[in-house]
């Protein structure tokens, strides 16, 4: 998830993930130029529809600029 580097954005993103019924297993973050931060979340989802619901919830946040699914 690429977000604008602002105070409280991690809390807002984590809250949306929880509200969508998902649990966060881990987070890693890296600043990308001082304006943006890349957050890598490992989340628990029941199925692809649940993942789509989580991603839609995050896209509604004004601080979120880009969401990418990474398969490991």
Protein backbone atom coordinates (compact mmCIF):
# COMPACT_ATOMS: atom_id res chain seq x y z
CA UNK A 1 0.00 0.00 0.00
CA UNK A 2 1.51 3.36 -1.02
CA UNK A 3 0.27 6.17 1.21
CA UNK A 4 0.98 9.83 1.71
CA UNK A 5 3.46 10.22 4.55
CA UNK A 6 1.18 11.85 7.13
CA UNK A 7 0.61 11.54 10.84
CA UNK A 8 -1.98 8.89 11.73
CA UNK A 9 -2.12 7.18 8.34
CA UNK A 10 -0.90 3.83 9.70
CA UNK A 11 -3.69 3.89 12.30
CA UNK A 12 -6.30 4.70 9.64
CA UNK A 13 -5.11 1.91 7.34
CA UNK A 14 -4.98 -0.63 10.19
CA UNK A 15 -8.46 0.40 11.30
CA UNK A 16 -9.89 -0.13 7.80
CA UNK A 17 -8.30 -3.57 7.59
CA UNK A 18 -9.84 -4.50 10.95
CA UNK A 19 -13.25 -3.06 10.00
CA UNK A 20 -13.19 -5.23 6.86
CA UNK A 21 -12.86 -8.27 9.13
CA UNK A 22 -9.21 -9.05 8.51
CA UNK A 23 -6.29 -9.53 10.89
CA UNK A 24 -2.83 -8.06 10.30
CA UNK A 25 -0.05 -10.64 10.71
CA UNK A 26 2.87 -8.30 9.95
CA UNK A 27 3.76 -4.86 8.64
CA UNK A 28 6.94 -3.52 7.06
CA UNK A 29 7.34 0.09 6.01
CA UNK A 30 9.78 2.01 3.81
CA UNK A 31 9.79 5.70 3.00
CA UNK A 32 9.71 6.45 -0.74
CA UNK A 33 10.92 10.02 -1.21
CA UNK A 34 9.74 12.07 1.77
CA UNK A 35 6.20 12.38 0.39
CA UNK A 36 5.13 8.71 0.31
CA UNK A 37 5.51 5.62 2.47
CA UNK A 38 5.19 2.05 1.22
CA UNK A 39 3.50 -0.26 3.72
CA UNK A 40 3.65 -4.02 3.18
CA UNK A 41 0.91 -5.83 5.10
CA UNK A 42 0.49 -9.57 5.54
CA UNK A 43 -3.19 -10.02 6.31
CA UNK A 44 -5.46 -12.99 6.96
CA UNK A 45 -8.41 -13.29 4.58
CA UNK A 46 -10.97 -16.05 4.11
CA UNK A 47 -10.99 -15.98 0.30
CA UNK A 48 -10.51 -13.72 -2.72
CA UNK A 49 -13.82 -11.96 -2.14
CA UNK A 50 -12.73 -11.08 1.38
CA UNK A 51 -9.41 -9.78 0.02
CA UNK A 52 -11.31 -7.66 -2.53
CA UNK A 53 -13.43 -6.21 0.32
CA UNK A 54 -10.28 -5.27 2.27
CA UNK A 55 -8.72 -3.65 -0.79
CA UNK A 56 -11.90 -1.67 -1.58
CA UNK A 57 -11.99 -0.38 1.98
CA UNK A 58 -8.39 0.81 1.71
CA UNK A 59 -8.98 2.51 -1.65
CA UNK A 60 -11.63 4.70 -0.01
CA UNK A 61 -9.01 6.29 2.25
CA UNK A 62 -7.82 9.64 0.85
CA UNK A 63 -4.21 9.00 1.96
CA UNK A 64 -3.95 5.73 -0.01
CA UNK A 65 -2.45 6.30 -3.46
CA UNK A 66 -1.82 2.74 -4.68
CA UNK A 67 -2.60 -0.83 -3.62
CA UNK A 68 -0.78 -3.84 -5.01
CA UNK A 69 -1.35 -7.50 -4.18
CA UNK A 70 1.89 -9.42 -3.70
CA UNK A 71 1.79 -13.21 -3.63
CA UNK A 72 4.44 -14.99 -1.63
